[in-house]
Amino acid sequence: MKKEDAAPKRNGKAYRMFVGNLFYSTTTCLDIVFIINYLSRFMQSPSQTYFLAAKRVLRYQKDTVEFDICFVKSSSIKLGFSDND
């Protein structure tokens, strides 16, 4: 995506609110941090392309809501220490 594309411009206030809400959800969904950071670059002059990309992120979140990361206690794992000095 380019900053200056030929797609029609959208309402900046609605885009800022939409991306802001997605940015708030990055506290629990770390897999979308990069794309939300990228989409936030276009807050001043969003086009239809970026609005559709933000909607796609929302659909991704909806489809992956059931995915979890589970940590299982195991006695065979030994943690080590590394000194980087």
N, C-alpha and C. Protein backbone atom coordinates (compact mmCIF):
# COMPACT_ATOMS: atom_id res chain seq x y z
N MET A 1 0.84 -1.17 0.00
CA MET A 1 0.00 0.00 0.00
C MET A 1 0.89 1.24 0.00
N LYS A 2 0.50 2.21 -0.76
CA LYS A 2 1.23 3.46 -0.82
C LYS A 2 0.46 4.54 -0.08
N LYS A 3 1.19 5.53 0.40
CA LYS A 3 0.53 6.60 1.12
C LYS A 3 -0.39 7.39 0.20
N GLU A 4 0.03 7.63 -1.01
CA GLU A 4 -0.78 8.35 -1.99
C GLU A 4 -1.32 7.36 -3.01
N ASP A 5 -2.51 6.87 -2.79
CA ASP A 5 -3.10 5.94 -3.75
C ASP A 5 -4.29 6.61 -4.44
N ALA A 6 -4.80 5.98 -5.45
CA ALA A 6 -5.88 6.57 -6.25
C ALA A 6 -7.27 6.28 -5.69
N ALA A 7 -7.34 5.56 -4.59
CA ALA A 7 -8.64 5.22 -4.00
C ALA A 7 -9.29 6.47 -3.41
N PRO A 8 -10.61 6.52 -3.40
CA PRO A 8 -11.28 7.69 -2.85
C PRO A 8 -11.02 7.83 -1.35
N LYS A 9 -10.99 9.07 -0.90
CA LYS A 9 -10.73 9.36 0.51
C LYS A 9 -11.96 9.07 1.35
N ARG A 10 -11.71 8.71 2.60
CA ARG A 10 -12.80 8.40 3.54
C ARG A 10 -12.84 9.44 4.65
N ASN A 11 -13.83 9.32 5.50
CA ASN A 11 -13.98 10.20 6.65
C ASN A 11 -12.84 9.92 7.64
N GLY A 12 -12.00 10.92 7.87
CA GLY A 12 -10.84 10.75 8.73
C GLY A 12 -11.21 10.48 10.18
N LYS A 13 -12.27 11.10 10.67
CA LYS A 13 -12.67 10.91 12.07
C LYS A 13 -13.11 9.47 12.32
N ALA A 14 -13.90 8.93 11.43
CA ALA A 14 -14.36 7.54 11.59
C ALA A 14 -13.18 6.57 11.51
N TYR A 15 -12.24 6.84 10.62
CA TYR A 15 -11.06 5.96 10.49
C TYR A 15 -10.21 6.03 11.75
N ARG A 16 -10.01 7.24 12.29
CA ARG A 16 -9.21 7.38 13.50
C ARG A 16 -9.85 6.65 14.68
N MET A 17 -11.17 6.74 14.79
CA MET A 17 -11.85 6.02 15.87
C MET A 17 -11.74 4.51 15.69
N PHE A 18 -11.87 4.05 14.46
CA PHE A 18 -11.82 2.63 14.16
C PHE A 18 -10.43 2.06 14.46
N VAL A 19 -9.39 2.73 13.96
CA VAL A 19 -8.02 2.26 14.19
C VAL A 19 -7.64 2.43 15.66
N GLY A 20 -8.13 3.47 16.29
CA GLY A 20 -7.87 3.65 17.72
C GLY A 20 -8.44 2.52 18.55
N ASN A 21 -9.62 2.07 18.22
CA ASN A 21 -10.21 0.92 18.93
C ASN A 21 -9.41 -0.34 18.67
N LEU A 22 -8.95 -0.52 17.44
CA LEU A 22 -8.11 -1.69 17.15
C LEU A 22 -6.78 -1.59 17.89
N PHE A 23 -6.25 -0.37 17.99
CA PHE A 23 -4.98 -0.19 18.71
C PHE A 23 -5.13 -0.54 20.18
N TYR A 24 -6.27 -0.22 20.76
CA TYR A 24 -6.54 -0.58 22.15
C TYR A 24 -6.55 -2.10 22.33
N SER A 25 -7.02 -2.83 21.32
CA SER A 25 -7.08 -4.29 21.45
C SER A 25 -5.72 -4.95 21.30
N THR A 26 -4.69 -4.21 20.93
CA THR A 26 -3.36 -4.81 20.81
C THR A 26 -2.75 -5.16 22.16
N THR A 27 -3.35 -4.70 23.26
CA THR A 27 -2.84 -5.06 24.57
C THR A 27 -3.02 -6.55 24.85
N THR A 28 -4.02 -7.15 24.24
CA THR A 28 -4.24 -8.58 24.44
C THR A 28 -3.96 -9.40 23.18
N CYS A 29 -3.97 -8.79 22.02
CA CYS A 29 -3.71 -9.50 20.76
C CYS A 29 -2.43 -8.97 20.15
N LEU A 30 -1.33 -9.56 20.52
CA LEU A 30 -0.03 -9.05 20.06
C LEU A 30 0.25 -9.36 18.59
N ASP A 31 -0.52 -10.23 17.98
CA ASP A 31 -0.26 -10.60 16.60
C ASP A 31 -0.71 -9.53 15.60
N ILE A 32 -1.44 -8.53 16.05
CA ILE A 32 -1.90 -7.48 15.13
C ILE A 32 -1.17 -6.16 15.34
N VAL A 33 -0.17 -6.13 16.20
CA VAL A 33 0.51 -4.88 16.52
C VAL A 33 1.13 -4.25 15.28
N PHE A 34 1.79 -5.04 14.45
CA PHE A 34 2.47 -4.48 13.28
C PHE A 34 1.49 -3.83 12.32
N ILE A 35 0.42 -4.50 11.98
CA ILE A 35 -0.51 -3.96 10.99
C ILE A 35 -1.25 -2.74 11.54
N ILE A 36 -1.57 -2.71 12.83
CA ILE A 36 -2.23 -1.54 13.40
C ILE A 36 -1.27 -0.35 13.42
N ASN A 37 -0.01 -0.61 13.71
CA ASN A 37 0.99 0.46 13.65
C ASN A 37 1.09 0.99 12.22
N TYR A 38 1.06 0.11 11.25
CA TYR A 38 1.13 0.52 9.85
C TYR A 38 -0.10 1.33 9.44
N LEU A 39 -1.27 0.87 9.84
CA LEU A 39 -2.49 1.58 9.48
C LEU A 39 -2.60 2.94 10.18
N SER A 40 -1.97 3.08 11.33
CA SER A 40 -2.04 4.35 12.04
C SER A 40 -1.22 5.43 11.36
N ARG A 41 -0.40 5.09 10.40
CA ARG A 41 0.38 6.09 9.66
C ARG A 41 -0.51 6.93 8.76
N PHE A 42 -1.69 6.47 8.46
CA PHE A 42 -2.56 7.13 7.50
C PHE A 42 -3.78 7.76 8.16
N MET A 43 -3.62 8.22 9.38
CA MET A 43 -4.73 8.79 10.13
C MET A 43 -5.23 10.10 9.53
N GLN A 44 -4.36 10.91 8.98
CA GLN A 44 -4.76 12.23 8.50
C GLN A 44 -5.53 12.18 7.20
N SER A 45 -5.17 11.26 6.32
CA SER A 45 -5.81 11.21 5.01
C SER A 45 -6.05 9.76 4.61
N PRO A 46 -6.99 9.09 5.27
CA PRO A 46 -7.23 7.68 4.95
C PRO A 46 -8.01 7.53 3.65
N SER A 47 -7.72 6.48 2.94
CA SER A 47 -8.47 6.18 1.73
C SER A 47 -9.31 4.93 1.96
N GLN A 48 -10.08 4.59 0.98
CA GLN A 48 -10.94 3.40 1.04
C GLN A 48 -10.09 2.14 1.25
N THR A 49 -8.90 2.11 0.66
CA THR A 49 -8.01 0.94 0.77
C THR A 49 -7.64 0.66 2.22
N TYR A 50 -7.27 1.71 2.97
CA TYR A 50 -6.86 1.53 4.36
C TYR A 50 -8.05 1.19 5.25
N PHE A 51 -9.19 1.75 4.94
CA PHE A 51 -10.39 1.42 5.71
C PHE A 51 -10.75 -0.06 5.53
N LEU A 52 -10.63 -0.55 4.31
CA LEU A 52 -10.90 -1.98 4.07
C LEU A 52 -9.87 -2.87 4.75
N ALA A 53 -8.61 -2.42 4.79
CA ALA A 53 -7.58 -3.19 5.49
C ALA A 53 -7.87 -3.25 6.98
N ALA A 54 -8.34 -2.15 7.56
CA ALA A 54 -8.69 -2.14 8.98
C ALA A 54 -9.87 -3.07 9.25
N LYS A 55 -10.84 -3.09 8.35
CA LYS A 55 -11.97 -4.01 8.51
C LYS A 55 -11.51 -5.46 8.42
N ARG A 56 -10.52 -5.71 7.58
CA ARG A 56 -10.00 -7.07 7.47
C ARG A 56 -9.32 -7.51 8.76
N VAL A 57 -8.64 -6.59 9.43
CA VAL A 57 -8.03 -6.91 10.73
C VAL A 57 -9.11 -7.26 11.74
N LEU A 58 -10.22 -6.53 11.71
CA LEU A 58 -11.33 -6.83 12.61
C LEU A 58 -11.91 -8.21 12.33
N ARG A 59 -12.04 -8.57 11.05
CA ARG A 59 -12.52 -9.92 10.70
C ARG A 59 -11.52 -10.98 11.17
N TYR A 60 -10.21 -10.68 11.06
CA TYR A 60 -9.18 -11.62 11.54
C TYR A 60 -9.34 -11.84 13.04
N GLN A 61 -9.55 -10.77 13.78
CA GLN A 61 -9.73 -10.91 15.22
C GLN A 61 -10.97 -11.75 15.54
N LYS A 62 -12.03 -11.54 14.80
CA LYS A 62 -13.26 -12.30 15.02
C LYS A 62 -13.04 -13.79 14.75
N ASP A 63 -12.27 -14.11 13.71
CA ASP A 63 -12.05 -15.51 13.34
C ASP A 63 -11.06 -16.21 14.26
N THR A 64 -10.20 -15.47 14.93
CA THR A 64 -9.17 -16.09 15.77
C THR A 64 -9.42 -15.90 17.25
N VAL A 65 -10.64 -15.57 17.64
CA VAL A 65 -10.94 -15.32 19.04
C VAL A 65 -10.80 -16.59 19.89
N GLU A 66 -10.95 -17.75 19.29
CA GLU A 66 -10.88 -19.00 20.04
C GLU A 66 -9.47 -19.55 20.16
N PHE A 67 -8.51 -18.95 19.49
CA PHE A 67 -7.13 -19.42 19.56
C PHE A 67 -6.49 -18.95 20.85
N ASP A 68 -5.84 -19.86 21.54
CA ASP A 68 -5.19 -19.54 22.81
C ASP A 68 -3.76 -20.05 22.79
N ILE A 69 -2.95 -19.44 23.64
CA ILE A 69 -1.60 -19.96 23.89
C ILE A 69 -1.64 -20.59 25.27
N CYS A 70 -1.36 -21.86 25.33
CA CYS A 70 -1.42 -22.58 26.60
C CYS A 70 -0.01 -22.99 27.01
N PHE A 71 0.34 -22.72 28.24
CA PHE A 71 1.60 -23.13 28.80
C PHE A 71 1.33 -24.26 29.78
N VAL A 72 1.99 -25.37 29.55
CA VAL A 72 1.78 -26.55 30.38
C VAL A 72 3.00 -26.75 31.26
N LYS A 73 2.77 -27.01 32.53
CA LYS A 73 3.85 -27.25 33.46
C LYS A 73 4.50 -28.59 33.14
N SER A 74 5.81 -28.56 33.02
CA SER A 74 6.54 -29.78 32.72
C SER A 74 7.78 -29.83 33.59
N SER A 75 8.07 -30.98 34.13
CA SER A 75 9.24 -31.11 34.99
C SER A 75 10.53 -31.28 34.18
N SER A 76 10.42 -31.54 32.90
CA SER A 76 11.61 -31.76 32.09
C SER A 76 12.23 -30.46 31.56
N ILE A 77 11.55 -29.35 31.69
CA ILE A 77 12.09 -28.07 31.21
C ILE A 77 12.97 -27.47 32.29
N LYS A 78 14.19 -27.11 31.90
CA LYS A 78 15.12 -26.48 32.84
C LYS A 78 15.49 -25.11 32.28
N LEU A 79 15.26 -24.12 33.08
CA LEU A 79 15.59 -22.77 32.67
C LEU A 79 17.04 -22.48 33.01
N GLY A 80 17.70 -21.73 32.15
CA GLY A 80 19.10 -21.39 32.36
C GLY A 80 19.28 -19.91 32.53
N PHE A 81 20.50 -19.52 32.71
CA PHE A 81 20.84 -18.13 32.89
C PHE A 81 21.96 -17.79 31.91
N SER A 82 21.87 -16.64 31.32
CA SER A 82 22.90 -16.20 30.38
C SER A 82 23.30 -14.77 30.73
N ASP A 83 24.59 -14.55 30.86
CA ASP A 83 25.09 -13.22 31.14
C ASP A 83 25.63 -12.63 29.85
N ASN A 84 25.05 -11.54 29.40
CA ASN A 84 25.42 -10.96 28.13
C ASN A 84 26.57 -9.98 28.18
N ASP A 85 27.20 -9.84 29.33
CA ASP A 85 28.32 -8.88 29.45
C ASP A 85 29.56 -9.35 28.76
